[in-house]
Amino acid sequence: MQSPPHSGKQLLAPTFLFRFAAPCFFQKTLWAPEGPELSEKHRVPSFGELERRPVFADLRTAWNEEGLVFTLQVTGKTQSPWCRQNRPEDSDGLHLWIDTRDVHDIHRASRFCHHFVFLPSGGGPRLDEPVSDLPPIRRARENPRPVPRSALKMQSQRHAEGYSLQVLIGAAGLTGFDPEEHPRLGFTYAVVDRELGWQTFSVGSEFPFQDDPSLWGTLDLRR
C-alpha cells in the first residue's frame, strides 16, 4: 500500500499528539435492500483537517449486536476510480482498521485486529463489480479468524463526481466482537484516491498506522 508524497516541513504532526475518539451510535436496523440510512450524527470525522489535509469523503458508521455498517460518499473527482481486485493496495477505495479490544500499547497487530478493504469496482469480468478483501496486517503477531463471505455485504454506485459505498461487516467477521463487554473499538481509516490523495481518521501516511495499532484511534459504541 503506497503512501502519497508529503512535504516533510512539519517536524511533528498535531494529530500525533492526541488519541482521537469518535462516537458510533446504535441503530436498530443496519441493513436494508436499498442500503443503510445514516444521518449526520453518524458521520466519522477526519482529524486530518487539523493539518489542513484534504477532506473529500463523507464516512458514516453505526452498530448493533449484528455488526458494523459504514457508508462512504466520495466527491470532487474528475476521473473514474481506478480499482483492481488483484491490486487492492494500489486501488481507489476505503480501508478500515478495527481492533475489537481497543489496545493502544502494542505496535504489532493481535488476532483482534482487522484490515478491511472495500473498492467501488475492480471485480468481475468487466471490472465493474465492487470488491471486498481482508488482507493480512504486516508484521502482525496473529491474524484474525477467516471472514465468512456471508459476514460481508456491500453495494456501490458511481456518480458524476465520484462514487458511494455501503458496507456491512457482520459480527461473524470481527474476531472478538462483543459490544457488551468491549464497547470501545480501536479504529482508523483511510480513503485512498489516486486523484484526490488520502483522507484519514487521524495521523497521515507519514506514520506507519497501517500496521501499528498504537497509532489508531477509538470508536465508542454508544446506545
C-alpha atoms as a PDB file:
ATOM      1  CA  MET A   1       0.000   0.000   0.000  1.00  0.00           C
ATOM      2  CA  GLN A   2       1.888   3.028  -1.252  1.00  0.00           C
ATOM      3  CA  SER A   3       1.773   6.324   0.600  1.00  0.00           C
ATOM      4  CA  PRO A   4       1.429   9.665  -1.194  1.00  0.00           C
ATOM      5  CA  PRO A   5       4.367  12.059  -1.019  1.00  0.00           C
ATOM      6  CA  HIS A   6       4.439  14.618   1.769  1.00  0.00           C
ATOM      7  CA  SER A   7       6.406  17.809   2.181  1.00  0.00           C
ATOM      8  CA  GLY A   8       8.169  16.926   5.449  1.00  0.00           C
ATOM      9  CA  LYS A   9       8.137  20.575   6.524  1.00  0.00           C
ATOM     10  CA  GLN A  10       6.411  19.870   9.841  1.00  0.00           C
ATOM     11  CA  LEU A  11       8.538  18.047  12.404  1.00  0.00           C
ATOM     12  CA  LEU A  12       5.627  16.687  14.444  1.00  0.00           C
ATOM     13  CA  ALA A  13       2.082  16.375  13.186  1.00  0.00           C
ATOM     14  CA  PRO A  14      -0.633  17.801  15.507  1.00  0.00           C
ATOM     15  CA  THR A  15      -2.619  14.587  15.133  1.00  0.00           C
ATOM     16  CA  PHE A  16       0.305  12.633  16.640  1.00  0.00           C
ATOM     17  CA  LEU A  17      -0.082  14.491  19.949  1.00  0.00           C
ATOM     18  CA  PHE A  18      -3.599  13.203  20.663  1.00  0.00           C
ATOM     19  CA  ARG A  19      -5.514   9.933  20.672  1.00  0.00           C
ATOM     20  CA  PHE A  20      -8.781  10.631  18.927  1.00  0.00           C
ATOM     21  CA  ALA A  21     -12.140   9.023  19.637  1.00  0.00           C
ATOM     22  CA  ALA A  22     -15.445   9.277  17.797  1.00  0.00           C
ATOM     23  CA  PRO A  23     -18.930   8.085  18.763  1.00  0.00           C
ATOM     24  CA  CYS A  24     -20.541   5.222  16.871  1.00  0.00           C
ATOM     25  CA  PHE A  25     -24.278   5.205  17.559  1.00  0.00           C
ATOM     26  CA  PHE A  26     -26.564   2.208  17.912  1.00  0.00           C
ATOM     27  CA  GLN A  27     -29.029   1.603  15.101  1.00  0.00           C
ATOM     28  CA  LYS A  28     -31.759  -0.997  15.333  1.00  0.00           C
ATOM     29  CA  THR A  29     -31.642  -1.899  11.635  1.00  0.00           C
ATOM     30  CA  LEU A  30     -28.240  -1.839   9.989  1.00  0.00           C
ATOM     31  CA  TRP A  31     -29.069  -3.075   6.509  1.00  0.00           C
ATOM     32  CA  ALA A  32     -31.991  -2.825   4.105  1.00  0.00           C
ATOM     33  CA  PRO A  33     -32.347  -3.792   0.426  1.00  0.00           C
ATOM     34  CA  GLU A  34     -31.737  -0.192  -0.598  1.00  0.00           C
ATOM     35  CA  GLY A  35     -28.775   0.100   1.781  1.00  0.00           C
ATOM     36  CA  PRO A  36     -28.399   1.677   5.226  1.00  0.00           C
ATOM     37  CA  GLU A  37     -29.693   5.130   6.087  1.00  0.00           C
ATOM     38  CA  LEU A  38     -27.311   7.030   8.352  1.00  0.00           C
ATOM     39  CA  SER A  39     -27.890  10.610   9.476  1.00  0.00           C
ATOM     40  CA  GLU A  40     -25.453  13.444  10.075  1.00  0.00           C
ATOM     41  CA  LYS A  41     -24.834  12.298  13.647  1.00  0.00           C
ATOM     42  CA  HIS A  42     -23.260   9.115  12.277  1.00  0.00           C
ATOM     43  CA  ARG A  43     -20.526  10.997  10.406  1.00  0.00           C
ATOM     44  CA  VAL A  44     -16.966   9.956  11.263  1.00  0.00           C
ATOM     45  CA  PRO A  45     -14.638  12.968  11.438  1.00  0.00           C
ATOM     46  CA  SER A  46     -11.324  13.360   9.693  1.00  0.00           C
ATOM     47  CA  PHE A  47      -8.987  14.916  12.231  1.00  0.00           C
ATOM     48  CA  GLY A  48      -6.518  15.418   9.404  1.00  0.00           C
ATOM     49  CA  GLU A  49      -8.324  18.735   8.989  1.00  0.00           C
ATOM     50  CA  LEU A  50      -6.126  19.933  11.876  1.00  0.00           C
ATOM     51  CA  GLU A  51      -3.225  19.687   9.455  1.00  0.00           C
ATOM     52  CA  ARG A  52      -5.241  21.132   6.556  1.00  0.00           C
ATOM     53  CA  ARG A  53      -5.187  17.814   4.757  1.00  0.00           C
ATOM     54  CA  PRO A  54      -7.897  17.351   2.086  1.00  0.00           C
ATOM     55  CA  VAL A  55     -11.385  16.202   3.050  1.00  0.00           C
ATOM     56  CA  PHE A  56     -13.242  14.793   0.054  1.00  0.00           C
ATOM     57  CA  ALA A  57     -15.160  11.884   1.587  1.00  0.00           C
ATOM     58  CA  ASP A  58     -18.155  11.566   3.887  1.00  0.00           C
ATOM     59  CA  LEU A  59     -17.803   8.417   6.023  1.00  0.00           C
ATOM     60  CA  ARG A  60     -20.577   7.360   8.418  1.00  0.00           C
ATOM     61  CA  THR A  61     -20.994   4.383  10.728  1.00  0.00           C
ATOM     62  CA  ALA A  62     -23.428   2.687  13.113  1.00  0.00           C
ATOM     63  CA  TRP A  63     -23.554  -0.541  15.105  1.00  0.00           C
ATOM     64  CA  ASN A  64     -25.695  -3.106  16.825  1.00  0.00           C
ATOM     65  CA  GLU A  65     -25.068  -6.630  18.078  1.00  0.00           C
ATOM     66  CA  GLU A  66     -25.152  -7.882  14.477  1.00  0.00           C
ATOM     67  CA  GLY A  67     -22.064  -5.891  13.491  1.00  0.00           C
ATOM     68  CA  LEU A  68     -20.982  -2.563  11.996  1.00  0.00           C
ATOM     69  CA  VAL A  69     -22.217  -0.649   8.977  1.00  0.00           C
ATOM     70  CA  PHE A  70     -20.382   2.049   7.024  1.00  0.00           C
ATOM     71  CA  THR A  71     -21.405   4.385   4.224  1.00  0.00           C
ATOM     72  CA  LEU A  72     -18.947   6.350   2.112  1.00  0.00           C
ATOM     73  CA  GLN A  73     -19.539   9.194  -0.320  1.00  0.00           C
ATOM     74  CA  VAL A  74     -16.566  10.436  -2.362  1.00  0.00           C
ATOM     75  CA  THR A  75     -16.979  13.683  -4.326  1.00  0.00           C
ATOM     76  CA  GLY A  76     -14.816  16.094  -6.273  1.00  0.00           C
ATOM     77  CA  LYS A  77     -13.448  13.590  -8.788  1.00  0.00           C
ATOM     78  CA  THR A  78     -12.950  14.296 -12.475  1.00  0.00           C
ATOM     79  CA  GLN A  79     -11.593  10.817 -13.224  1.00  0.00           C
ATOM     80  CA  SER A  80     -13.151   7.383 -12.843  1.00  0.00           C
ATOM     81  CA  PRO A  81     -11.975   5.372  -9.830  1.00  0.00           C
ATOM     82  CA  TRP A  82      -9.031   3.092 -10.602  1.00  0.00           C
ATOM     83  CA  CYS A  83      -9.686  -0.307  -8.973  1.00  0.00           C
ATOM     84  CA  ARG A  84      -8.302  -3.800  -9.487  1.00  0.00           C
ATOM     85  CA  GLN A  85      -9.269  -6.831  -7.401  1.00  0.00           C
ATOM     86  CA  ASN A  86      -5.731  -8.216  -7.617  1.00  0.00           C
ATOM     87  CA  ARG A  87      -4.163  -4.889  -6.616  1.00  0.00           C
ATOM     88  CA  PRO A  88      -6.246  -3.588  -3.705  1.00  0.00           C
ATOM     89  CA  GLU A  89      -3.290  -1.773  -2.157  1.00  0.00           C
ATOM     90  CA  ASP A  90      -2.967   0.390  -5.307  1.00  0.00           C
ATOM     91  CA  SER A  91      -6.686   0.932  -5.901  1.00  0.00           C
ATOM     92  CA  ASP A  92      -9.070   3.740  -5.039  1.00  0.00           C
ATOM     93  CA  GLY A  93     -11.275   2.764  -2.123  1.00  0.00           C
ATOM     94  CA  LEU A  94     -11.905   2.518   1.585  1.00  0.00           C
ATOM     95  CA  HIS A  95      -9.537   0.917   4.096  1.00  0.00           C
ATOM     96  CA  LEU A  96     -10.760   0.195   7.629  1.00  0.00           C
ATOM     97  CA  TRP A  97      -8.665  -0.971  10.581  1.00  0.00           C
ATOM     98  CA  ILE A  98     -10.613  -2.323  13.557  1.00  0.00           C
ATOM     99  CA  ASP A  99      -9.340  -3.716  16.867  1.00  0.00           C
ATOM    100  CA  THR A 100     -12.152  -5.288  18.896  1.00  0.00           C
ATOM    101  CA  ARG A 101     -10.092  -4.815  22.087  1.00  0.00           C
ATOM    102  CA  ASP A 102      -9.032  -1.158  21.591  1.00  0.00           C
ATOM    103  CA  VAL A 103      -5.464  -1.814  22.786  1.00  0.00           C
ATOM    104  CA  HIS A 104      -3.063   1.072  22.164  1.00  0.00           C
ATOM    105  CA  ASP A 105       0.135  -0.099  23.845  1.00  0.00           C
ATOM    106  CA  ILE A 106       1.136  -2.614  21.165  1.00  0.00           C
ATOM    107  CA  HIS A 107       2.951  -1.928  17.909  1.00  0.00           C
ATOM    108  CA  ARG A 108       2.142  -5.237  16.208  1.00  0.00           C
ATOM    109  CA  ALA A 109      -1.406  -6.334  15.463  1.00  0.00           C
ATOM    110  CA  SER A 110      -3.059  -9.050  17.538  1.00  0.00           C
ATOM    111  CA  ARG A 111      -5.702 -11.538  16.396  1.00  0.00           C
ATOM    112  CA  PHE A 112      -8.344  -8.968  17.335  1.00  0.00           C
ATOM    113  CA  CYS A 113      -7.032  -6.516  14.713  1.00  0.00           C
ATOM    114  CA  HIS A 114      -8.527  -6.439  11.223  1.00  0.00           C
ATOM    115  CA  HIS A 115      -7.778  -4.618   7.976  1.00  0.00           C
ATOM    116  CA  PHE A 116     -10.705  -4.461   5.574  1.00  0.00           C
ATOM    117  CA  VAL A 117     -10.532  -3.095   2.024  1.00  0.00           C
ATOM    118  CA  PHE A 118     -13.605  -2.106   0.024  1.00  0.00           C
ATOM    119  CA  LEU A 119     -13.363  -0.982  -3.602  1.00  0.00           C
ATOM    120  CA  PRO A 120     -16.230   0.532  -5.627  1.00  0.00           C
ATOM    121  CA  SER A 121     -15.263  -1.547  -8.684  1.00  0.00           C
ATOM    122  CA  GLY A 122     -12.474  -3.750  -9.999  1.00  0.00           C
ATOM    123  CA  GLY A 123     -14.155  -7.141  -9.700  1.00  0.00           C
ATOM    124  CA  GLY A 124     -15.892  -9.384 -12.202  1.00  0.00           C
ATOM    125  CA  PRO A 125     -15.171  -9.959 -15.905  1.00  0.00           C
ATOM    126  CA  ARG A 126     -15.818  -6.298 -16.745  1.00  0.00           C
ATOM    127  CA  LEU A 127     -14.096  -4.899 -13.622  1.00  0.00           C
ATOM    128  CA  ASP A 128     -17.368  -3.178 -12.693  1.00  0.00           C
ATOM    129  CA  GLU A 129     -18.283  -5.138  -9.556  1.00  0.00           C
ATOM    130  CA  PRO A 130     -17.417  -3.948  -6.014  1.00  0.00           C
ATOM    131  CA  VAL A 131     -14.638  -5.755  -4.181  1.00  0.00           C
ATOM    132  CA  SER A 132     -14.097  -6.601  -0.515  1.00  0.00           C
ATOM    133  CA  ASP A 133     -10.935  -8.056   0.992  1.00  0.00           C
ATOM    134  CA  LEU A 134      -9.309  -8.806   4.355  1.00  0.00           C
ATOM    135  CA  PRO A 135      -5.566  -8.623   3.672  1.00  0.00           C
ATOM    136  CA  PRO A 136      -3.148  -9.562   6.463  1.00  0.00           C
ATOM    137  CA  ILE A 137      -1.658  -6.745   8.507  1.00  0.00           C
ATOM    138  CA  ARG A 138       2.082  -6.545   8.007  1.00  0.00           C
ATOM    139  CA  ARG A 139       4.166  -7.688  10.981  1.00  0.00           C
ATOM    140  CA  ALA A 140       1.058  -8.958  12.840  1.00  0.00           C
ATOM    141  CA  ARG A 141       1.730 -11.337  15.714  1.00  0.00           C
ATOM    142  CA  GLU A 142      -1.508 -13.192  14.939  1.00  0.00           C
ATOM    143  CA  ASN A 143      -4.210 -12.971  12.305  1.00  0.00           C
ATOM    144  CA  PRO A 144      -7.970 -12.825  12.958  1.00  0.00           C
ATOM    145  CA  ARG A 145     -10.076 -15.816  12.014  1.00  0.00           C
ATOM    146  CA  PRO A 146     -11.107 -16.045   8.346  1.00  0.00           C
ATOM    147  CA  VAL A 147     -14.157 -13.966   7.467  1.00  0.00           C
ATOM    148  CA  PRO A 148     -17.106 -15.951   6.064  1.00  0.00           C
ATOM    149  CA  ARG A 149     -18.372 -14.356   2.877  1.00  0.00           C
ATOM    150  CA  SER A 150     -21.852 -14.215   4.408  1.00  0.00           C
ATOM    151  CA  ALA A 151     -20.490 -11.779   7.026  1.00  0.00           C
ATOM    152  CA  LEU A 152     -19.850  -9.055   4.417  1.00  0.00           C
ATOM    153  CA  LYS A 153     -22.438  -7.137   2.431  1.00  0.00           C
ATOM    154  CA  MET A 154     -21.610  -4.381   0.003  1.00  0.00           C
ATOM    155  CA  GLN A 155     -23.200  -2.044  -2.516  1.00  0.00           C
ATOM    156  CA  SER A 156     -21.603   0.532  -4.798  1.00  0.00           C
ATOM    157  CA  GLN A 157     -22.850   3.335  -7.034  1.00  0.00           C
ATOM    158  CA  ARG A 158     -20.989   5.584  -9.448  1.00  0.00           C
ATOM    159  CA  HIS A 159     -21.786   9.302  -9.614  1.00  0.00           C
ATOM    160  CA  ALA A 160     -20.748  12.126 -11.904  1.00  0.00           C
ATOM    161  CA  GLU A 161     -18.122  13.397  -9.444  1.00  0.00           C
ATOM    162  CA  GLY A 162     -17.280  10.242  -7.525  1.00  0.00           C
ATOM    163  CA  TYR A 163     -18.870   7.174  -6.000  1.00  0.00           C
ATOM    164  CA  SER A 164     -20.619   5.823  -2.923  1.00  0.00           C
ATOM    165  CA  LEU A 165     -20.254   2.614  -0.937  1.00  0.00           C
ATOM    166  CA  GLN A 166     -22.429   0.856   1.627  1.00  0.00           C
ATOM    167  CA  VAL A 167     -20.744  -1.840   3.680  1.00  0.00           C
ATOM    168  CA  LEU A 168     -21.918  -4.217   6.405  1.00  0.00           C
ATOM    169  CA  ILE A 169     -19.351  -6.120   8.467  1.00  0.00           C
ATOM    170  CA  GLY A 170     -21.237  -8.792  10.374  1.00  0.00           C
ATOM    171  CA  ALA A 171     -20.231  -9.836  13.878  1.00  0.00           C
ATOM    172  CA  ALA A 172     -19.014 -13.180  12.493  1.00  0.00           C
ATOM    173  CA  GLY A 173     -16.393 -11.245  10.519  1.00  0.00           C
ATOM    174  CA  LEU A 174     -14.954  -9.479  13.585  1.00  0.00           C
ATOM    175  CA  THR A 175     -12.891 -11.698  15.866  1.00  0.00           C
ATOM    176  CA  GLY A 176     -13.752 -10.852  19.475  1.00  0.00           C
ATOM    177  CA  PHE A 177     -16.654  -8.518  18.697  1.00  0.00           C
ATOM    178  CA  ASP A 178     -18.582  -8.173  21.981  1.00  0.00           C
ATOM    179  CA  PRO A 179     -20.194  -4.726  22.386  1.00  0.00           C
ATOM    180  CA  GLU A 180     -21.444  -5.518  25.905  1.00  0.00           C
ATOM    181  CA  GLU A 181     -18.013  -6.404  27.286  1.00  0.00           C
ATOM    182  CA  HIS A 182     -15.897  -4.281  24.946  1.00  0.00           C
ATOM    183  CA  PRO A 183     -17.838  -1.165  23.876  1.00  0.00           C
ATOM    184  CA  ARG A 184     -14.727   0.604  22.536  1.00  0.00           C
ATOM    185  CA  LEU A 185     -13.035  -0.426  19.299  1.00  0.00           C
ATOM    186  CA  GLY A 186      -9.587   0.518  18.115  1.00  0.00           C
ATOM    187  CA  PHE A 187     -10.177   2.229  14.789  1.00  0.00           C
ATOM    188  CA  THR A 188      -8.719   4.159  11.945  1.00  0.00           C
ATOM    189  CA  TYR A 189      -9.499   4.556   8.269  1.00  0.00           C
ATOM    190  CA  ALA A 190      -8.054   5.787   5.006  1.00  0.00           C
ATOM    191  CA  VAL A 191      -9.969   6.760   1.886  1.00  0.00           C
ATOM    192  CA  VAL A 192      -7.354   6.325  -0.816  1.00  0.00           C
ATOM    193  CA  ASP A 193      -7.707   8.055  -4.173  1.00  0.00           C
ATOM    194  CA  ARG A 194      -5.118   8.411  -6.925  1.00  0.00           C
ATOM    195  CA  GLU A 195      -6.603  11.737  -7.963  1.00  0.00           C
ATOM    196  CA  LEU A 196      -7.530  13.319  -4.615  1.00  0.00           C
ATOM    197  CA  GLY A 197      -4.985  11.832  -2.211  1.00  0.00           C
ATOM    198  CA  TRP A 198      -5.583  10.258   1.189  1.00  0.00           C
ATOM    199  CA  GLN A 199      -8.208  11.167   3.782  1.00  0.00           C
ATOM    200  CA  THR A 200      -7.537   9.588   7.179  1.00  0.00           C
ATOM    201  CA  PHE A 201      -9.057   9.459  10.647  1.00  0.00           C
ATOM    202  CA  SER A 202      -6.045  10.902  12.465  1.00  0.00           C
ATOM    203  CA  VAL A 203      -2.357  10.590  11.558  1.00  0.00           C
ATOM    204  CA  GLY A 204      -1.400  10.630   7.920  1.00  0.00           C
ATOM    205  CA  SER A 205       0.775   8.479   5.730  1.00  0.00           C
ATOM    206  CA  GLU A 206       3.999   9.798   7.245  1.00  0.00           C
ATOM    207  CA  PHE A 207       3.298   7.421  10.141  1.00  0.00           C
ATOM    208  CA  PRO A 208       3.027   3.608   9.760  1.00  0.00           C
ATOM    209  CA  PHE A 209      -0.553   3.400  11.032  1.00  0.00           C
ATOM    210  CA  GLN A 210      -1.358   0.661   8.516  1.00  0.00           C
ATOM    211  CA  ASP A 211       0.417  -1.896  10.716  1.00  0.00           C
ATOM    212  CA  ASP A 212       0.828  -0.179  14.114  1.00  0.00           C
ATOM    213  CA  PRO A 213      -2.316  -0.299  16.331  1.00  0.00           C
ATOM    214  CA  SER A 214      -0.777   2.198  18.772  1.00  0.00           C
ATOM    215  CA  LEU A 215      -1.452   4.856  16.127  1.00  0.00           C
ATOM    216  CA  TRP A 216      -5.151   4.042  15.797  1.00  0.00           C
ATOM    217  CA  GLY A 217      -7.951   5.977  17.441  1.00  0.00           C
ATOM    218  CA  THR A 218     -11.177   4.712  19.026  1.00  0.00           C
ATOM    219  CA  LEU A 219     -14.780   4.149  18.057  1.00  0.00           C
ATOM    220  CA  ASP A 220     -17.001   4.492  21.145  1.00  0.00           C
ATOM    221  CA  LEU A 221     -20.081   2.261  20.715  1.00  0.00           C
ATOM    222  CA  ARG A 222     -22.973   4.233  22.178  1.00  0.00           C
ATOM    223  CA  ARG A 223     -26.609   3.370  22.712  1.00  0.00           C
END
